[in-house]
């Protein structure tokens, strides 16, 4: 039986909430358990404990970044992707530093939305395609740090981490042992000076290392 990924949508625009819920509702393995656009956003997430939260970064009644901060303190914090209207929204880069696992434009292609949710649920990152990522992340403290020199295998490991693949899955895909993958991941975390796989994937995306 296929596991069901649960989702909460937080956005002040009713049409956005309805549209995302309608699109995701067509996927048999995704269940939108709640939607809200009000000050009760954190409480709604607490009550439903979803796997994934889609969170508007700019709302008139609630601060998306503050909601994100509070969600990161939950015992089992969900994967959070920020929703934005503009592909160069400076708030998104700040959200990444606070622990968001990616961002989506509100006009994201409906055909790809369900797969983005699946990637988030398995621990990957999602970044809206076709945008200027360097402009997006320009305000981040890490933006001035040049990426390290990487081998072809390390680049492949980065791409698979960003897709949410586990160490055994990466090893199987690349034809190496799980132990070798663990060493590669440790080396990459050290090279990028980040503590988590999500932040590693985001730094790689920022540097354009996930392209191609």
N, C-alpha and C. Protein backbone atom coordinates (compact mmCIF):
# COMPACT_ATOMS: atom_id res chain seq x y z
N UNK A 1 0.85 -1.20 0.00
CA UNK A 1 0.00 0.00 0.00
C UNK A 1 0.88 1.25 0.00
N UNK A 2 0.57 2.19 -0.86
CA UNK A 2 1.36 3.41 -0.98
C UNK A 2 1.12 4.32 0.21
N UNK A 3 2.21 4.82 0.81
CA UNK A 3 2.08 5.74 1.93
C UNK A 3 1.49 7.06 1.45
N UNK A 4 0.66 7.66 2.28
CA UNK A 4 0.02 8.93 1.93
C UNK A 4 0.78 10.07 2.59
N UNK A 5 1.12 11.08 1.81
CA UNK A 5 1.78 12.28 2.31
C UNK A 5 0.73 13.31 2.68
N UNK A 6 0.77 13.79 3.91
CA UNK A 6 -0.20 14.78 4.37
C UNK A 6 0.37 16.19 4.22
N UNK A 7 -0.51 17.13 3.86
CA UNK A 7 -0.10 18.49 3.53
C UNK A 7 -1.02 19.50 4.20
N UNK A 8 -0.43 20.59 4.71
CA UNK A 8 -1.19 21.76 5.15
C UNK A 8 -0.77 22.94 4.29
N UNK A 9 -1.74 23.71 3.81
CA UNK A 9 -1.47 24.88 2.97
C UNK A 9 -1.78 26.14 3.77
N UNK A 10 -0.81 27.04 3.86
CA UNK A 10 -0.98 28.30 4.59
C UNK A 10 -0.80 29.45 3.61
N UNK A 11 -1.89 30.12 3.28
CA UNK A 11 -1.85 31.24 2.34
C UNK A 11 -3.07 32.11 2.58
N UNK A 12 -2.91 33.42 2.53
CA UNK A 12 -4.03 34.31 2.81
C UNK A 12 -5.00 34.42 1.65
N UNK A 13 -4.61 33.96 0.46
CA UNK A 13 -5.49 34.06 -0.71
C UNK A 13 -6.32 32.80 -0.85
N UNK A 14 -7.64 32.96 -0.77
CA UNK A 14 -8.55 31.81 -0.85
C UNK A 14 -8.38 31.04 -2.15
N UNK A 15 -8.23 31.76 -3.26
CA UNK A 15 -8.10 31.09 -4.55
C UNK A 15 -6.83 30.25 -4.63
N UNK A 16 -5.75 30.73 -4.02
CA UNK A 16 -4.51 29.96 -4.01
C UNK A 16 -4.69 28.69 -3.20
N UNK A 17 -5.28 28.81 -2.02
CA UNK A 17 -5.51 27.63 -1.19
C UNK A 17 -6.39 26.63 -1.91
N UNK A 18 -7.47 27.12 -2.50
CA UNK A 18 -8.41 26.24 -3.19
C UNK A 18 -7.74 25.57 -4.39
N UNK A 19 -6.98 26.36 -5.15
CA UNK A 19 -6.34 25.81 -6.34
C UNK A 19 -5.33 24.73 -6.02
N UNK A 20 -4.47 24.99 -5.02
CA UNK A 20 -3.48 23.99 -4.64
C UNK A 20 -4.15 22.74 -4.08
N UNK A 21 -5.19 22.94 -3.27
CA UNK A 21 -5.89 21.79 -2.70
C UNK A 21 -6.54 20.96 -3.80
N UNK A 22 -7.13 21.62 -4.77
CA UNK A 22 -7.78 20.91 -5.87
C UNK A 22 -6.77 20.11 -6.68
N UNK A 23 -5.63 20.72 -6.99
CA UNK A 23 -4.59 20.03 -7.77
C UNK A 23 -4.03 18.84 -7.01
N UNK A 24 -3.67 19.06 -5.75
CA UNK A 24 -3.07 17.98 -4.97
C UNK A 24 -4.07 16.89 -4.63
N UNK A 25 -5.35 17.26 -4.55
CA UNK A 25 -6.38 16.27 -4.25
C UNK A 25 -6.54 15.22 -5.32
N UNK A 26 -6.05 15.50 -6.52
CA UNK A 26 -6.13 14.53 -7.61
C UNK A 26 -5.08 13.45 -7.50
N UNK A 27 -4.09 13.63 -6.64
CA UNK A 27 -3.02 12.64 -6.46
C UNK A 27 -3.44 11.65 -5.38
N UNK A 28 -3.45 10.35 -5.68
CA UNK A 28 -3.93 9.36 -4.71
C UNK A 28 -3.05 9.21 -3.48
N UNK A 29 -1.80 9.65 -3.56
CA UNK A 29 -0.87 9.49 -2.44
C UNK A 29 -0.64 10.78 -1.66
N UNK A 30 -1.48 11.79 -1.90
CA UNK A 30 -1.35 13.08 -1.20
C UNK A 30 -2.70 13.48 -0.62
N UNK A 31 -2.68 13.89 0.65
CA UNK A 31 -3.92 14.29 1.32
C UNK A 31 -3.72 15.67 1.94
N UNK A 32 -4.45 16.66 1.42
CA UNK A 32 -4.42 18.00 2.02
C UNK A 32 -5.33 17.96 3.24
N UNK A 33 -4.75 17.94 4.44
CA UNK A 33 -5.52 17.74 5.66
C UNK A 33 -6.08 19.04 6.21
N UNK A 34 -5.54 20.19 5.79
CA UNK A 34 -6.05 21.47 6.27
C UNK A 34 -5.48 22.60 5.42
N UNK A 35 -6.24 23.70 5.36
CA UNK A 35 -5.74 24.93 4.75
C UNK A 35 -6.12 26.09 5.66
N UNK A 36 -5.29 27.11 5.70
CA UNK A 36 -5.58 28.28 6.52
C UNK A 36 -4.80 29.47 5.98
N UNK A 37 -5.28 30.65 6.30
CA UNK A 37 -4.55 31.86 5.92
C UNK A 37 -4.60 32.86 7.04
N UNK A 38 -4.83 32.35 8.25
CA UNK A 38 -5.04 33.25 9.38
C UNK A 38 -3.98 33.04 10.45
N UNK A 39 -4.17 33.74 11.58
CA UNK A 39 -3.18 33.74 12.65
C UNK A 39 -3.09 32.40 13.37
N UNK A 40 -3.99 31.47 13.05
CA UNK A 40 -3.96 30.15 13.69
C UNK A 40 -3.07 29.16 12.95
N UNK A 41 -2.23 29.64 12.03
CA UNK A 41 -1.47 28.74 11.16
C UNK A 41 -0.63 27.74 11.94
N UNK A 42 0.11 28.20 12.94
CA UNK A 42 0.97 27.29 13.70
C UNK A 42 0.13 26.26 14.44
N UNK A 43 -0.99 26.69 15.04
CA UNK A 43 -1.85 25.76 15.76
C UNK A 43 -2.43 24.71 14.82
N UNK A 44 -2.81 25.11 13.62
CA UNK A 44 -3.34 24.16 12.64
C UNK A 44 -2.30 23.10 12.31
N UNK A 45 -1.06 23.52 12.12
CA UNK A 45 0.01 22.57 11.83
C UNK A 45 0.24 21.66 13.03
N UNK A 46 0.22 22.20 14.24
CA UNK A 46 0.38 21.37 15.44
C UNK A 46 -0.68 20.28 15.50
N UNK A 47 -1.92 20.66 15.22
CA UNK A 47 -3.04 19.73 15.34
C UNK A 47 -2.97 18.62 14.31
N UNK A 48 -2.54 18.94 13.10
CA UNK A 48 -2.59 17.95 12.01
C UNK A 48 -1.26 17.24 11.78
N UNK A 49 -0.16 17.80 12.30
CA UNK A 49 1.17 17.19 12.16
C UNK A 49 1.43 16.67 10.74
N UNK A 50 1.36 17.54 9.74
CA UNK A 50 1.53 17.10 8.35
C UNK A 50 2.98 16.78 8.02
N UNK A 51 3.16 16.07 6.93
CA UNK A 51 4.51 15.80 6.43
C UNK A 51 5.10 17.04 5.77
N UNK A 52 4.24 17.80 5.09
CA UNK A 52 4.68 18.96 4.30
C UNK A 52 3.77 20.15 4.57
N UNK A 53 4.37 21.33 4.65
CA UNK A 53 3.61 22.58 4.74
C UNK A 53 4.01 23.48 3.57
N UNK A 54 3.01 23.98 2.85
CA UNK A 54 3.23 25.02 1.85
C UNK A 54 2.86 26.34 2.50
N UNK A 55 3.82 27.25 2.64
CA UNK A 55 3.66 28.45 3.46
C UNK A 55 3.93 29.72 2.66
N UNK A 56 2.93 30.58 2.57
CA UNK A 56 3.09 31.87 1.90
C UNK A 56 4.09 32.71 2.69
N UNK A 57 5.07 33.26 2.01
CA UNK A 57 6.10 34.02 2.71
C UNK A 57 5.64 35.42 3.09
N UNK A 58 4.65 35.96 2.37
CA UNK A 58 4.15 37.31 2.65
C UNK A 58 2.63 37.27 2.82
N UNK A 59 2.16 37.56 4.03
CA UNK A 59 0.73 37.61 4.29
C UNK A 59 0.43 38.83 5.16
N UNK A 60 -0.74 39.46 4.96
CA UNK A 60 -1.03 40.69 5.71
C UNK A 60 -1.28 40.48 7.20
N UNK A 61 -1.87 39.35 7.57
CA UNK A 61 -2.24 39.13 8.97
C UNK A 61 -1.20 38.35 9.76
N UNK A 62 -0.38 37.60 9.08
CA UNK A 62 0.65 36.81 9.77
C UNK A 62 1.96 36.89 9.00
N UNK A 63 3.05 36.77 9.74
CA UNK A 63 4.39 36.85 9.16
C UNK A 63 4.84 35.43 8.80
N UNK A 64 4.99 35.17 7.51
CA UNK A 64 5.39 33.84 7.08
C UNK A 64 6.70 33.39 7.69
N UNK A 65 7.66 34.29 7.82
CA UNK A 65 8.95 33.93 8.40
C UNK A 65 8.82 33.57 9.87
N UNK A 66 7.95 34.29 10.59
CA UNK A 66 7.75 33.97 12.01
C UNK A 66 7.05 32.62 12.15
N UNK A 67 6.09 32.34 11.28
CA UNK A 67 5.45 31.02 11.28
C UNK A 67 6.49 29.94 11.05
N UNK A 68 7.38 30.16 10.10
CA UNK A 68 8.44 29.20 9.81
C UNK A 68 9.32 28.97 11.03
N UNK A 69 9.71 30.05 11.71
CA UNK A 69 10.54 29.91 12.91
C UNK A 69 9.85 29.02 13.95
N UNK A 70 8.57 29.24 14.14
CA UNK A 70 7.84 28.46 15.13
C UNK A 70 7.69 27.00 14.70
N UNK A 71 7.48 26.78 13.42
CA UNK A 71 7.35 25.40 12.93
C UNK A 71 8.65 24.63 13.13
N UNK A 72 9.79 25.30 13.01
CA UNK A 72 11.07 24.63 13.17
C UNK A 72 11.32 24.18 14.61
N UNK A 73 10.56 24.71 15.56
CA UNK A 73 10.73 24.32 16.96
C UNK A 73 9.86 23.14 17.35
N UNK A 74 8.97 22.69 16.48
CA UNK A 74 8.11 21.56 16.79
C UNK A 74 8.94 20.29 16.95
N UNK A 75 8.51 19.37 17.82
CA UNK A 75 9.25 18.12 18.03
C UNK A 75 9.50 17.36 16.73
N UNK A 76 8.50 17.32 15.86
CA UNK A 76 8.65 16.71 14.54
C UNK A 76 8.24 17.75 13.50
N UNK A 77 9.17 18.62 13.17
CA UNK A 77 8.85 19.71 12.26
C UNK A 77 8.65 19.19 10.85
N UNK A 78 7.64 19.70 10.14
CA UNK A 78 7.39 19.26 8.77
C UNK A 78 8.38 19.88 7.80
N UNK A 79 8.44 19.32 6.61
CA UNK A 79 9.18 19.97 5.53
C UNK A 79 8.35 21.17 5.07
N UNK A 80 8.99 22.32 4.97
CA UNK A 80 8.27 23.55 4.62
C UNK A 80 8.82 24.12 3.31
N UNK A 81 7.92 24.35 2.37
CA UNK A 81 8.27 25.07 1.14
C UNK A 81 7.53 26.39 1.14
N UNK A 82 8.24 27.46 0.86
CA UNK A 82 7.64 28.78 0.85
C UNK A 82 6.94 29.03 -0.49
N UNK A 83 5.79 29.68 -0.42
CA UNK A 83 5.06 30.09 -1.62
C UNK A 83 5.29 31.58 -1.85
N UNK A 84 5.56 31.94 -3.08
CA UNK A 84 5.78 33.35 -3.40
C UNK A 84 5.25 33.67 -4.79
N UNK A 85 4.93 34.92 -5.01
CA UNK A 85 4.45 35.37 -6.31
C UNK A 85 5.59 35.73 -7.23
N UNK A 86 6.68 36.24 -6.66
CA UNK A 86 7.79 36.76 -7.46
C UNK A 86 9.01 35.86 -7.32
N UNK A 87 9.68 35.59 -8.44
CA UNK A 87 10.81 34.66 -8.42
C UNK A 87 12.08 35.27 -7.82
N UNK A 88 12.06 36.55 -7.49
CA UNK A 88 13.23 37.16 -6.85
C UNK A 88 12.86 37.75 -5.49
N UNK A 89 11.89 37.15 -4.83
CA UNK A 89 11.45 37.62 -3.51
C UNK A 89 12.58 37.45 -2.50
N UNK A 90 13.07 38.58 -1.96
CA UNK A 90 14.23 38.51 -1.06
C UNK A 90 13.92 37.77 0.24
N UNK A 91 12.63 37.67 0.59
CA UNK A 91 12.27 36.97 1.81
C UNK A 91 12.54 35.47 1.71
N UNK A 92 12.53 34.94 0.51
CA UNK A 92 12.72 33.51 0.34
C UNK A 92 14.12 33.09 0.77
N UNK A 93 15.13 33.87 0.39
CA UNK A 93 16.49 33.55 0.81
C UNK A 93 16.61 33.51 2.32
N UNK A 94 15.95 34.45 3.00
CA UNK A 94 15.95 34.45 4.46
C UNK A 94 15.25 33.22 5.00
N UNK A 95 14.19 32.80 4.32
CA UNK A 95 13.46 31.61 4.75
C UNK A 95 14.34 30.36 4.65
N UNK A 96 15.18 30.30 3.63
CA UNK A 96 16.08 29.16 3.49
C UNK A 96 17.02 29.08 4.69
N UNK A 97 17.52 30.22 5.12
CA UNK A 97 18.41 30.24 6.28
C UNK A 97 17.69 29.81 7.55
N UNK A 98 16.38 29.99 7.59
CA UNK A 98 15.59 29.61 8.75
C UNK A 98 15.15 28.16 8.72
N UNK A 99 15.45 27.44 7.64
CA UNK A 99 15.14 26.02 7.61
C UNK A 99 14.13 25.58 6.58
N UNK A 100 13.66 26.48 5.71
CA UNK A 100 12.75 26.06 4.65
C UNK A 100 13.45 25.11 3.69
N UNK A 101 12.70 24.19 3.14
CA UNK A 101 13.27 23.19 2.24
C UNK A 101 13.11 23.57 0.77
N UNK A 102 12.72 24.81 0.51
CA UNK A 102 12.61 25.23 -0.88
C UNK A 102 11.54 26.29 -1.06
N UNK A 103 11.25 26.59 -2.31
CA UNK A 103 10.20 27.56 -2.59
C UNK A 103 9.52 27.20 -3.89
N UNK A 104 8.25 27.60 -3.99
CA UNK A 104 7.46 27.39 -5.19
C UNK A 104 6.76 28.69 -5.54
N UNK A 105 6.68 28.97 -6.82
CA UNK A 105 5.87 30.10 -7.27
C UNK A 105 4.40 29.71 -7.22
N UNK A 106 3.55 30.69 -6.99
CA UNK A 106 2.12 30.40 -6.90
C UNK A 106 1.53 29.97 -8.23
N UNK A 107 2.23 30.24 -9.32
CA UNK A 107 1.76 29.78 -10.63
C UNK A 107 2.55 28.56 -11.10
N UNK A 108 3.06 27.78 -10.15
CA UNK A 108 3.78 26.55 -10.48
C UNK A 108 2.93 25.65 -11.37
N UNK A 109 3.58 25.01 -12.33
CA UNK A 109 2.90 24.10 -13.25
C UNK A 109 2.14 23.04 -12.45
N UNK A 110 0.82 22.95 -12.61
CA UNK A 110 0.03 21.97 -11.86
C UNK A 110 0.52 20.53 -12.03
N UNK A 111 1.04 20.20 -13.21
CA UNK A 111 1.47 18.83 -13.46
C UNK A 111 2.68 18.44 -12.61
N UNK A 112 3.46 19.43 -12.19
CA UNK A 112 4.64 19.12 -11.40
C UNK A 112 4.46 19.27 -9.90
N UNK A 113 3.33 19.82 -9.48
CA UNK A 113 3.14 20.15 -8.07
C UNK A 113 3.17 18.92 -7.17
N UNK A 114 2.48 17.86 -7.57
CA UNK A 114 2.44 16.66 -6.73
C UNK A 114 3.83 16.06 -6.55
N UNK A 115 4.64 16.07 -7.60
CA UNK A 115 5.99 15.52 -7.48
C UNK A 115 6.85 16.38 -6.56
N UNK A 116 6.65 17.69 -6.58
CA UNK A 116 7.38 18.54 -5.64
C UNK A 116 7.05 18.15 -4.20
N UNK A 117 5.78 17.87 -3.93
CA UNK A 117 5.37 17.46 -2.59
C UNK A 117 6.05 16.15 -2.20
N UNK A 118 6.13 15.22 -3.14
CA UNK A 118 6.78 13.93 -2.85
C UNK A 118 8.25 14.12 -2.53
N UNK A 119 8.91 14.98 -3.28
CA UNK A 119 10.34 15.26 -3.03
C UNK A 119 10.52 15.84 -1.63
N UNK A 120 9.68 16.78 -1.26
CA UNK A 120 9.75 17.38 0.07
C UNK A 120 9.54 16.32 1.15
N UNK A 121 8.57 15.44 0.93
CA UNK A 121 8.23 14.44 1.94
C UNK A 121 9.36 13.46 2.19
N UNK A 122 10.16 13.19 1.17
CA UNK A 122 11.27 12.25 1.38
C UNK A 122 12.58 12.95 1.75
N UNK A 123 12.48 14.24 2.08
CA UNK A 123 13.64 14.94 2.60
C UNK A 123 14.45 15.72 1.58
N UNK A 124 13.90 15.90 0.38
CA UNK A 124 14.61 16.65 -0.65
C UNK A 124 14.28 18.13 -0.60
N UNK A 125 14.75 18.86 -1.59
CA UNK A 125 14.48 20.29 -1.69
C UNK A 125 13.82 20.58 -3.02
N UNK A 126 13.02 21.64 -3.05
CA UNK A 126 12.38 22.05 -4.29
C UNK A 126 12.64 23.54 -4.52
N UNK A 127 13.05 23.86 -5.71
CA UNK A 127 13.30 25.25 -6.09
C UNK A 127 12.58 25.51 -7.40
N UNK A 128 11.77 26.55 -7.42
CA UNK A 128 11.01 26.86 -8.61
C UNK A 128 11.93 26.97 -9.81
N UNK A 129 11.62 26.28 -10.91
CA UNK A 129 12.49 26.32 -12.08
C UNK A 129 12.39 27.64 -12.83
N UNK A 130 13.46 27.93 -13.60
CA UNK A 130 13.42 29.07 -14.49
C UNK A 130 13.56 30.42 -13.82
N UNK A 131 14.23 30.46 -12.67
CA UNK A 131 14.41 31.75 -11.99
C UNK A 131 15.89 32.02 -11.80
N UNK A 132 16.21 33.26 -11.50
CA UNK A 132 17.59 33.67 -11.25
C UNK A 132 17.94 33.34 -9.80
N UNK A 133 18.52 32.18 -9.59
CA UNK A 133 18.78 31.74 -8.22
C UNK A 133 19.81 32.61 -7.52
N UNK A 134 20.78 33.12 -8.25
CA UNK A 134 21.78 33.96 -7.60
C UNK A 134 21.16 35.26 -7.08
N UNK A 135 20.23 35.83 -7.84
CA UNK A 135 19.52 37.01 -7.35
C UNK A 135 18.67 36.66 -6.14
N UNK A 136 18.04 35.51 -6.20
CA UNK A 136 17.17 35.07 -5.12
C UNK A 136 17.93 34.96 -3.81
N UNK A 137 19.14 34.41 -3.86
CA UNK A 137 19.91 34.16 -2.64
C UNK A 137 20.91 35.27 -2.34
N UNK A 138 20.84 36.38 -3.06
CA UNK A 138 21.88 37.40 -2.94
C UNK A 138 22.01 37.95 -1.53
N UNK A 139 20.91 37.99 -0.79
CA UNK A 139 20.95 38.58 0.55
C UNK A 139 21.46 37.61 1.60
N UNK A 140 21.68 36.36 1.25
CA UNK A 140 22.13 35.38 2.23
C UNK A 140 23.60 35.58 2.56
N UNK A 141 23.95 35.28 3.80
CA UNK A 141 25.34 35.46 4.23
C UNK A 141 26.28 34.54 3.49
N UNK A 142 25.77 33.41 3.02
CA UNK A 142 26.63 32.44 2.34
C UNK A 142 26.83 32.76 0.88
N UNK A 143 26.11 33.78 0.36
CA UNK A 143 26.12 34.02 -1.08
C UNK A 143 27.49 34.40 -1.61
N UNK A 144 28.33 35.00 -0.75
CA UNK A 144 29.63 35.44 -1.22
C UNK A 144 30.67 34.33 -1.18
N UNK A 145 30.32 33.19 -0.60
CA UNK A 145 31.26 32.08 -0.46
C UNK A 145 31.30 31.27 -1.75
N UNK A 146 32.43 31.18 -2.40
CA UNK A 146 32.49 30.41 -3.65
C UNK A 146 32.33 28.92 -3.37
N UNK A 147 31.71 28.17 -4.28
CA UNK A 147 31.53 26.74 -4.07
C UNK A 147 32.86 26.01 -4.16
N UNK A 148 33.00 24.92 -3.41
CA UNK A 148 34.24 24.15 -3.49
C UNK A 148 34.35 23.42 -4.82
N UNK A 149 35.56 22.99 -5.14
CA UNK A 149 35.77 22.18 -6.34
C UNK A 149 35.31 20.76 -6.05
N UNK A 150 34.45 20.23 -6.90
CA UNK A 150 33.85 18.93 -6.65
C UNK A 150 34.14 17.96 -7.79
N UNK A 151 34.20 16.68 -7.43
CA UNK A 151 34.34 15.63 -8.43
C UNK A 151 32.98 15.37 -9.07
N UNK A 152 33.00 14.63 -10.17
CA UNK A 152 31.74 14.29 -10.84
C UNK A 152 30.83 13.49 -9.91
N UNK A 153 31.43 12.57 -9.12
CA UNK A 153 30.60 11.76 -8.21
C UNK A 153 30.00 12.63 -7.11
N UNK A 154 30.76 13.57 -6.59
CA UNK A 154 30.23 14.45 -5.55
C UNK A 154 29.07 15.29 -6.09
N UNK A 155 29.19 15.73 -7.33
CA UNK A 155 28.08 16.47 -7.93
C UNK A 155 26.85 15.58 -8.07
N UNK A 156 27.08 14.32 -8.45
CA UNK A 156 25.97 13.37 -8.58
C UNK A 156 25.31 13.12 -7.22
N UNK A 157 26.13 13.00 -6.18
CA UNK A 157 25.60 12.81 -4.83
C UNK A 157 24.75 14.01 -4.43
N UNK A 158 25.22 15.21 -4.73
CA UNK A 158 24.46 16.41 -4.41
C UNK A 158 23.09 16.41 -5.08
N UNK A 159 23.06 16.05 -6.36
CA UNK A 159 21.79 16.05 -7.09
C UNK A 159 20.81 15.05 -6.47
N UNK A 160 21.32 13.89 -6.05
CA UNK A 160 20.45 12.87 -5.47
C UNK A 160 19.99 13.26 -4.08
N UNK A 161 20.85 13.91 -3.31
CA UNK A 161 20.43 14.43 -2.01
C UNK A 161 19.29 15.43 -2.18
N UNK A 162 19.43 16.31 -3.16
CA UNK A 162 18.40 17.32 -3.42
C UNK A 162 17.08 16.68 -3.83
N UNK A 163 17.14 15.47 -4.38
CA UNK A 163 15.93 14.75 -4.78
C UNK A 163 15.35 13.95 -3.62
N UNK A 164 16.02 13.98 -2.46
CA UNK A 164 15.51 13.27 -1.30
C UNK A 164 15.94 11.83 -1.19
N UNK A 165 16.94 11.42 -1.96
CA UNK A 165 17.40 10.03 -1.93
C UNK A 165 18.16 9.73 -0.65
N UNK A 166 17.97 8.53 -0.11
CA UNK A 166 18.70 8.09 1.08
C UNK A 166 20.10 7.64 0.68
N UNK A 167 20.97 7.43 1.67
CA UNK A 167 22.33 6.97 1.36
C UNK A 167 22.33 5.63 0.62
N UNK A 168 21.54 4.63 1.06
CA UNK A 168 21.51 3.37 0.30
C UNK A 168 21.03 3.56 -1.14
N UNK A 169 20.01 4.43 -1.32
CA UNK A 169 19.50 4.70 -2.67
C UNK A 169 20.58 5.34 -3.54
N UNK A 170 21.31 6.28 -2.95
CA UNK A 170 22.38 6.95 -3.70
C UNK A 170 23.45 5.95 -4.09
N UNK A 171 23.83 5.08 -3.14
CA UNK A 171 24.84 4.07 -3.43
C UNK A 171 24.42 3.16 -4.56
N UNK A 172 23.15 2.75 -4.54
CA UNK A 172 22.64 1.87 -5.60
C UNK A 172 22.64 2.57 -6.95
N UNK A 173 22.26 3.82 -6.96
CA UNK A 173 22.20 4.58 -8.22
C UNK A 173 23.60 4.80 -8.80
N UNK A 174 24.58 5.01 -7.92
CA UNK A 174 25.93 5.34 -8.39
C UNK A 174 26.86 4.14 -8.43
N UNK A 175 26.39 3.00 -7.94
CA UNK A 175 27.22 1.80 -7.98
C UNK A 175 28.35 1.80 -6.97
N UNK A 176 28.12 2.43 -5.81
CA UNK A 176 29.12 2.44 -4.74
C UNK A 176 28.46 1.99 -3.45
N UNK A 177 29.27 1.70 -2.43
CA UNK A 177 28.72 1.23 -1.16
C UNK A 177 28.07 2.37 -0.37
N UNK A 178 27.18 1.98 0.55
CA UNK A 178 26.55 2.97 1.42
C UNK A 178 27.60 3.69 2.26
N UNK A 179 28.62 2.96 2.69
CA UNK A 179 29.70 3.57 3.46
C UNK A 179 30.42 4.65 2.68
N UNK A 180 30.64 4.39 1.39
CA UNK A 180 31.29 5.40 0.55
C UNK A 180 30.42 6.64 0.42
N UNK A 181 29.11 6.43 0.28
CA UNK A 181 28.19 7.57 0.19
C UNK A 181 28.23 8.38 1.48
N UNK A 182 28.24 7.69 2.63
CA UNK A 182 28.30 8.40 3.91
C UNK A 182 29.54 9.29 3.99
N UNK A 183 30.66 8.74 3.54
CA UNK A 183 31.90 9.53 3.55
C UNK A 183 31.79 10.74 2.62
N UNK A 184 31.18 10.51 1.44
CA UNK A 184 30.99 11.62 0.50
C UNK A 184 30.11 12.71 1.12
N UNK A 185 29.02 12.29 1.78
CA UNK A 185 28.10 13.26 2.38
C UNK A 185 28.80 14.04 3.49
N UNK A 186 29.56 13.34 4.33
CA UNK A 186 30.29 14.03 5.40
C UNK A 186 31.27 15.05 4.82
N UNK A 187 31.94 14.66 3.75
CA UNK A 187 32.91 15.57 3.12
C UNK A 187 32.20 16.78 2.52
N UNK A 188 31.04 16.56 1.92
CA UNK A 188 30.30 17.66 1.32
C UNK A 188 29.76 18.62 2.39
N UNK A 189 29.26 18.07 3.49
CA UNK A 189 28.78 18.92 4.58
C UNK A 189 29.91 19.80 5.11
N UNK A 190 31.09 19.21 5.23
CA UNK A 190 32.25 19.97 5.71
C UNK A 190 32.68 21.02 4.68
N UNK A 191 32.67 20.64 3.40
CA UNK A 191 33.12 21.56 2.36
C UNK A 191 32.22 22.78 2.24
N UNK A 192 30.91 22.57 2.43
CA UNK A 192 29.96 23.67 2.33
C UNK A 192 29.69 24.33 3.68
N UNK A 193 30.26 23.75 4.75
CA UNK A 193 30.10 24.30 6.10
C UNK A 193 28.64 24.44 6.50
N UNK A 194 27.87 23.37 6.27
CA UNK A 194 26.46 23.35 6.67
C UNK A 194 26.21 22.09 7.49
N UNK A 195 25.19 22.10 8.37
CA UNK A 195 24.96 20.96 9.25
C UNK A 195 24.00 19.90 8.73
N UNK A 196 23.16 20.22 7.75
CA UNK A 196 22.13 19.28 7.33
C UNK A 196 22.14 19.06 5.82
N UNK A 197 21.51 17.97 5.41
CA UNK A 197 21.43 17.63 3.99
C UNK A 197 20.59 18.64 3.22
N UNK A 198 19.51 19.12 3.85
CA UNK A 198 18.67 20.12 3.18
C UNK A 198 19.46 21.39 2.91
N UNK A 199 20.20 21.87 3.91
CA UNK A 199 21.01 23.07 3.70
C UNK A 199 22.12 22.83 2.68
N UNK A 200 22.62 21.61 2.66
CA UNK A 200 23.63 21.26 1.66
C UNK A 200 23.05 21.37 0.26
N UNK A 201 21.86 20.82 0.06
CA UNK A 201 21.23 20.87 -1.25
C UNK A 201 20.90 22.31 -1.65
N UNK A 202 20.48 23.11 -0.68
CA UNK A 202 20.17 24.51 -0.98
C UNK A 202 21.41 25.30 -1.37
N UNK A 203 22.51 25.06 -0.68
CA UNK A 203 23.76 25.73 -1.04
C UNK A 203 24.21 25.31 -2.44
N UNK A 204 24.04 24.03 -2.74
CA UNK A 204 24.41 23.54 -4.07
C UNK A 204 23.54 24.19 -5.14
N UNK A 205 22.24 24.33 -4.85
CA UNK A 205 21.34 24.98 -5.80
C UNK A 205 21.71 26.43 -5.99
N UNK A 206 22.04 27.10 -4.90
CA UNK A 206 22.44 28.50 -4.95
C UNK A 206 23.65 28.69 -5.85
N UNK A 207 24.57 27.73 -5.79
CA UNK A 207 25.80 27.82 -6.58
C UNK A 207 25.63 27.29 -8.00
N UNK A 208 24.42 26.84 -8.35
CA UNK A 208 24.18 26.33 -9.69
C UNK A 208 24.72 24.94 -9.93
N UNK A 209 25.01 24.19 -8.84
CA UNK A 209 25.62 22.87 -8.98
C UNK A 209 24.60 21.77 -9.24
N UNK A 210 23.31 22.08 -9.16
CA UNK A 210 22.29 21.09 -9.43
C UNK A 210 21.78 21.19 -10.86
N UNK A 211 22.28 22.15 -11.61
CA UNK A 211 21.84 22.33 -13.00
C UNK A 211 22.58 21.38 -13.91
N UNK A 212 21.90 20.98 -14.97
CA UNK A 212 22.55 20.15 -15.98
C UNK A 212 22.63 18.70 -15.61
